Protein backbone atom coordinates (compact mmCIF):
# COMPACT_ATOMS: atom_id res chain seq x y z
CA MET A 1 -3.05 86.57 -7.29
CA LYS A 2 -1.69 83.92 -9.69
CA LEU A 3 1.50 83.78 -7.65
CA LEU A 4 -0.50 83.17 -4.45
CA ILE A 5 -2.47 80.34 -6.07
CA THR A 6 0.74 78.76 -7.33
CA ILE A 7 2.29 78.85 -3.85
CA VAL A 8 -0.81 77.28 -2.29
CA LEU A 9 -0.83 74.47 -4.84
CA LEU A 10 2.85 73.79 -4.28
CA LEU A 11 2.48 73.68 -0.52
CA TYR A 12 -0.77 71.66 -0.54
CA PRO A 13 0.81 68.15 -0.45
CA PHE A 14 3.30 69.12 2.22
CA SER A 15 0.63 70.55 4.49
CA LEU A 16 -1.12 67.21 4.49
CA GLN A 17 2.03 65.48 5.70
CA ALA A 18 2.69 67.95 8.47
CA TYR A 19 -0.53 68.63 10.31
CA THR A 20 1.07 68.15 13.70
CA ASN A 21 3.69 66.01 15.39
CA ASP A 22 0.90 63.64 16.42
CA ILE A 23 0.97 60.78 13.92
CA SER A 24 -2.40 59.46 15.10
CA GLN A 25 -4.08 62.81 14.54
CA ASN A 26 -2.54 63.09 11.08
CA ILE A 27 -3.83 59.64 10.17
CA ARG A 28 -7.32 60.54 11.32
CA GLU A 29 -7.27 63.71 9.24
CA LEU A 30 -6.12 61.79 6.18
CA ASP A 31 -8.83 59.18 6.69
CA LYS A 32 -11.38 61.99 6.69
CA GLN A 33 -9.94 63.34 3.45
CA ILE A 34 -10.09 59.88 1.87
CA SER A 35 -13.70 59.39 2.90
CA ALA A 36 -14.67 62.84 1.67
CA THR A 37 -13.68 62.38 -1.98
CA ASN A 38 -14.47 59.98 -4.81
CA ASP A 39 -11.62 61.32 -6.94
CA LYS A 40 -9.26 58.36 -7.33
CA THR A 41 -6.22 60.53 -7.95
CA LYS A 42 -6.79 62.49 -4.75
CA ARG A 43 -7.52 59.32 -2.79
CA ALA A 44 -4.26 57.87 -4.07
CA GLN A 45 -2.40 60.98 -2.87
CA PHE A 46 -3.97 60.80 0.57
CA TYR A 47 -3.12 57.10 0.90
CA SER A 48 0.48 57.92 -0.07
CA TYR A 49 0.67 60.65 2.58
CA LYS A 50 -0.77 58.17 5.07
CA ALA A 51 1.86 55.60 4.08
CA ARG A 52 4.61 58.15 4.70
CA GLN A 53 3.22 58.91 8.15
CA TYR A 54 3.38 55.22 9.02
CA ARG A 55 6.82 54.88 7.42
CA ASN A 56 8.24 57.81 9.39
CA ASN A 57 6.81 56.25 12.55
CA GLY A 58 8.52 52.92 11.82
CA GLU A 59 5.25 51.09 11.13
CA ASP A 60 6.38 49.39 7.93
CA GLU A 61 3.55 46.89 7.52
CA LEU A 62 0.89 49.59 7.76
CA SER A 63 2.94 51.78 5.44
CA ILE A 64 3.05 49.02 2.82
CA LYS A 65 -0.70 48.50 3.16
CA SER A 66 -1.36 52.20 2.55
CA TYR A 67 0.97 52.30 -0.46
CA LEU A 68 -0.90 49.35 -1.97
CA ASN A 69 -4.22 51.12 -1.33
CA SER A 70 -2.82 54.16 -3.11
CA LEU A 71 -1.78 52.13 -6.14
CA GLN A 72 -5.22 50.55 -6.34
CA GLN A 73 -6.64 54.04 -6.78
CA HIS A 74 -4.02 55.47 -9.14
CA GLU A 75 -0.50 54.37 -10.09
CA THR A 76 2.45 56.75 -10.05
CA GLY A 77 6.18 56.14 -10.37
CA ASP A 78 6.81 57.89 -7.05
CA THR A 79 4.47 55.57 -5.17
CA TRP A 80 5.92 52.45 -6.77
CA SER A 81 9.43 53.69 -5.96
CA GLU A 82 8.61 54.31 -2.29
CA LEU A 83 6.87 50.94 -2.01
CA GLY A 84 9.82 49.16 -3.59
CA ASN A 85 12.27 50.78 -1.19
CA ILE A 86 10.23 49.89 1.87
CA TYR A 87 9.97 46.28 0.62
CA PHE A 88 13.77 46.31 0.39
CA LYS A 89 14.06 47.83 3.86
CA VAL A 90 12.04 45.03 5.48
CA GLY A 91 13.91 42.30 3.60
CA GLN A 92 11.22 41.39 1.06
CA TYR A 93 13.75 41.41 -1.77
CA GLU A 94 11.68 39.39 -4.23
CA LYS A 95 8.90 41.96 -3.98
CA SER A 96 11.29 44.91 -4.28
CA ALA A 97 12.79 43.33 -7.41
CA LYS A 98 9.33 42.77 -8.85
CA VAL A 99 8.43 46.42 -8.19
CA ALA A 100 11.65 47.52 -9.91
CA ASN A 101 10.82 45.47 -13.00
CA HIS A 102 7.32 46.95 -13.07
CA MET A 103 8.78 50.46 -12.91
CA LEU A 104 11.24 49.75 -15.72
CA LYS A 105 8.39 48.52 -17.90
CA ASN A 106 5.76 51.13 -17.09
CA PHE A 107 7.55 54.22 -15.73
CA PRO A 108 10.66 54.90 -17.89
CA ALA A 109 11.21 58.25 -16.15
CA PHE A 110 12.20 56.25 -13.06
CA LYS A 111 14.72 54.07 -14.91
CA VAL A 112 17.68 55.13 -12.73
CA ASP A 113 15.87 54.49 -9.44
CA ALA A 114 14.35 51.24 -10.70
CA THR A 115 17.68 49.94 -12.02
CA ASP A 116 19.39 50.69 -8.70
CA LEU A 117 16.58 48.99 -6.74
CA LEU A 118 16.66 45.93 -9.01
CA LYS A 119 20.44 45.65 -8.77
CA LYS A 120 20.59 45.80 -4.98
CA SER A 121 17.58 43.48 -4.63
CA LYS A 122 19.22 40.87 -6.85
CA THR A 123 22.48 41.27 -4.93
CA LYS A 124 20.68 40.50 -1.67
CA LEU A 125 18.81 37.56 -3.19
CA HIS A 126 22.00 36.17 -4.66
CA ALA A 127 23.75 36.48 -1.28
CA ILE A 128 20.91 34.52 0.32
CA TYR A 129 21.16 31.92 -2.43
CA LEU A 130 24.91 31.51 -1.89
CA LYS A 131 24.41 31.23 1.87
CA GLU A 132 21.93 28.42 1.38
CA ASN A 133 24.00 26.82 -1.41
CA PRO A 134 27.68 27.42 -0.54
CA PRO A 135 29.97 26.83 -3.55
CA THR A 136 32.67 24.16 -3.47
CA ILE A 137 35.87 24.99 -5.33
CA ILE A 138 37.12 22.22 -7.65
CA VAL A 139 39.87 21.94 -10.26
CA ASN A 140 39.29 20.42 -13.68
CA SER A 141 42.16 17.92 -14.01
CA ASP A 142 41.99 18.07 -17.81
CA TYR A 143 42.59 21.79 -17.90
CA PHE A 144 45.26 23.61 -15.95
CA GLY A 145 43.47 26.92 -15.98
CA PRO A 146 41.93 28.93 -13.15
CA LYS A 147 39.84 27.29 -10.45
CA VAL A 148 36.19 26.82 -11.28
CA SER A 149 33.28 27.02 -8.87
CA ARG A 150 31.01 24.02 -8.72
CA LEU A 151 28.18 26.53 -8.53
CA ASP A 152 29.28 27.97 -11.90
CA ILE A 153 29.41 24.52 -13.49
CA LEU A 154 26.24 22.98 -12.06
CA LYS A 155 23.96 25.95 -11.39
CA GLU A 156 22.29 26.08 -14.80
CA GLN A 157 21.99 22.28 -15.03
CA LYS A 158 20.52 22.05 -11.54
CA ALA A 159 18.12 24.91 -12.17
CA SER A 160 17.05 23.35 -15.47
CA ARG A 161 16.39 19.99 -13.79
CA THR A 162 14.37 21.70 -11.07
CA ILE A 163 12.36 23.60 -13.66
CA ALA A 164 11.86 20.63 -16.01
CA SER A 165 10.63 18.33 -13.25
CA SER A 166 7.84 20.74 -12.31
CA ARG A 167 7.00 22.28 -15.70
CA SER A 168 3.61 20.65 -16.18
CA ARG A 169 2.34 20.26 -12.64
CA ASN A 170 3.81 22.76 -10.26
CA THR A 171 2.07 26.03 -9.48
CA ILE A 172 5.18 27.19 -7.69
CA TYR A 173 7.21 26.74 -10.84
CA SER A 174 4.68 28.68 -12.92
CA ASN A 175 4.68 31.61 -10.50
CA CYS A 176 8.47 31.70 -10.15
CA LYS A 177 9.01 31.45 -13.90
CA GLU A 178 6.55 34.25 -14.52
CA LYS A 179 8.32 36.40 -11.94
CA TRP A 180 11.95 35.75 -12.92
CA GLY A 181 11.79 34.67 -16.56
CA SER A 182 15.11 33.27 -17.83
CA ASP A 183 17.07 34.16 -14.70
CA TYR A 184 17.34 30.47 -13.84
CA SER A 185 19.28 30.85 -10.62
CA MET A 186 16.55 33.13 -9.28
CA VAL A 187 13.84 30.78 -10.57
CA GLU A 188 15.52 27.95 -8.70
CA TYR A 189 15.90 30.03 -5.54
CA CYS A 190 12.25 31.10 -5.76
CA ILE A 191 11.09 27.48 -6.21
CA LYS A 192 13.14 26.33 -3.21
CA LYS A 193 11.94 29.16 -1.02
CA GLN A 194 8.29 28.75 -1.97
CA SER A 195 8.46 24.95 -1.66
CA LYS A 196 10.00 25.17 1.80
CA ALA A 197 7.40 27.74 2.87
CA ASN A 198 4.61 25.55 1.47
CA SER A 199 5.94 22.60 3.47
CA ASN A 200 6.00 24.74 6.62
CA VAL A 201 2.47 25.99 6.00
CA GLN A 202 1.19 22.41 6.01
CA ARG A 203 2.17 22.14 9.68
CA TYR A 204 -0.42 24.74 10.63
CA SER A 205 -4.17 24.42 10.79
CA GLY A 206 -7.18 26.45 11.86
CA GLY A 207 -8.64 29.84 11.11
CA ILE A 208 -5.38 31.79 10.94
CA ARG A 209 -3.99 29.52 8.23
CA SER A 210 -7.25 29.67 6.27
CA ARG A 211 -7.40 33.45 6.40
CA CYS A 212 -3.74 33.85 5.42
CA GLN A 213 -4.17 31.46 2.50
CA GLN A 214 -7.26 33.35 1.41
CA LYS A 215 -5.33 36.62 1.55
CA TRP A 216 -2.07 35.54 -0.09
CA GLY A 217 -3.15 32.62 -2.29
CA ASP A 218 -0.22 30.60 -3.62
CA ASP A 219 2.47 33.04 -2.43
CA TYR A 220 3.50 30.51 0.22
CA SER A 221 6.31 32.58 1.73
CA MET A 222 3.81 35.36 2.46
CA VAL A 223 1.27 32.82 3.75
CA GLU A 224 3.89 31.50 6.17
CA TYR A 225 4.90 35.02 7.23
CA CYS A 226 1.24 35.95 7.74
CA ILE A 227 0.59 32.83 9.85
CA LYS A 228 3.60 33.46 12.09
CA LYS A 229 2.77 37.15 12.54
CA GLN A 230 -0.92 36.54 13.23
CA THR A 231 -0.14 33.66 15.62
CA LYS A 232 2.31 35.81 17.59
CA SER A 233 -0.15 38.72 17.72
CA SER A 234 -2.97 36.38 18.80
CA SER A 235 -0.83 35.21 21.71
CA ASN A 236 0.05 38.82 22.64
CA VAL A 237 -3.60 39.96 22.50
CA LYS A 238 -4.54 37.38 25.14
CA ARG A 239 -2.40 39.25 27.68
CA TYR A 240 -4.58 42.35 27.50
CA ARG A 241 -7.85 43.02 29.36
CA GLY A 242 -10.44 45.78 29.46
CA ASP A 243 -12.59 47.95 27.27
CA ILE A 244 -9.80 48.97 24.87
CA LYS A 245 -9.24 45.33 23.94
CA SER A 246 -12.98 44.81 23.43
CA ARG A 247 -13.31 47.82 21.13
CA CYS A 248 -10.25 46.84 19.09
CA GLN A 249 -11.51 43.29 18.70
CA GLN A 250 -14.89 44.59 17.62
CA LYS A 251 -13.24 46.82 15.03
CA TRP A 252 -10.63 44.41 13.62
CA GLY A 253 -12.18 41.01 14.34
CA ASN A 254 -9.71 38.16 13.80
CA ASP A 255 -6.98 40.30 12.22
CA TYR A 256 -4.86 39.84 15.34
CA SER A 257 -1.92 41.97 14.20
CA MET A 258 -4.26 44.92 13.74
CA VAL A 259 -6.01 44.17 17.05
CA GLU A 260 -2.64 44.21 18.81
CA TYR A 261 -1.60 47.42 17.04
CA CYS A 262 -4.95 49.04 17.93
CA ILE A 263 -4.62 48.07 21.61
CA LYS A 264 -1.08 49.46 21.86
CA LYS A 265 -2.00 52.65 20.05
CA GLN A 266 -5.14 53.30 22.12
CA THR A 267 -3.41 52.43 25.40
CA LYS A 268 -0.55 54.81 24.62
CA ALA A 269 -2.98 57.59 23.74
CA ARG A 270 -4.97 57.05 26.95
CA ASN A 271 -1.79 57.13 29.06
CA ASN A 272 -0.69 60.36 27.38
CA ILE A 273 -4.06 61.95 28.14
CA ASN A 274 -3.93 60.84 31.77
CA ARG A 275 -0.51 62.45 32.20
CA GLN A 276 -1.76 65.83 31.06
């Protein structure tokens, strides 16, 4: 009897991830499980299973959203690790690096995974930095040693000037410094990226910008990403007609990316039913 109970408990999580081959049905079942319990640990597990369903279906944004919902209920090293890797997959390297640092600080059992994630995230970020700031090779005429990169000579000075000029007045500086600490090259890269995104955000106006700013605050790169995604989805939604569109708009309101996703999902399901 004890053996049977042990087997059931071991298989329990896997059964939730493998109801059927129908992702939509699995999501609905998981939503029911989430609504049926007030236990935060269980809700966190269900949200994680839901995130994996979305991840396996290639729906990265919805997967990230579910992982974040899971972490709001209960934090585990596994969930942080999966979230960090999906951030890396979609090119959000600053976020994957931040997740890795959080794991190193709070989940020492995941030190190997976190260290690997942090290393590859920094490598990607550094590659982006070098692409945007290509080094020029110079020779110091007073010293006949090896060639020295201008980036090596000026990087710390330039980063320090950037930091010093915004120390007392720049929210961007404060956020970047908090995120990257004494890694000045990354602080400088963060400041440049956020400043550029902030400048781009100023070109937009209207409800989409307001909602994205409300959602993402002073993370200007995410505000800009949100605006572009929502604007594109808003344009796509206009191409649809009919009752499916009306129901999706009623459900998701002005979250156009979710309205578009809902329309596509419901239309696909209806077409599958009609073919049966």
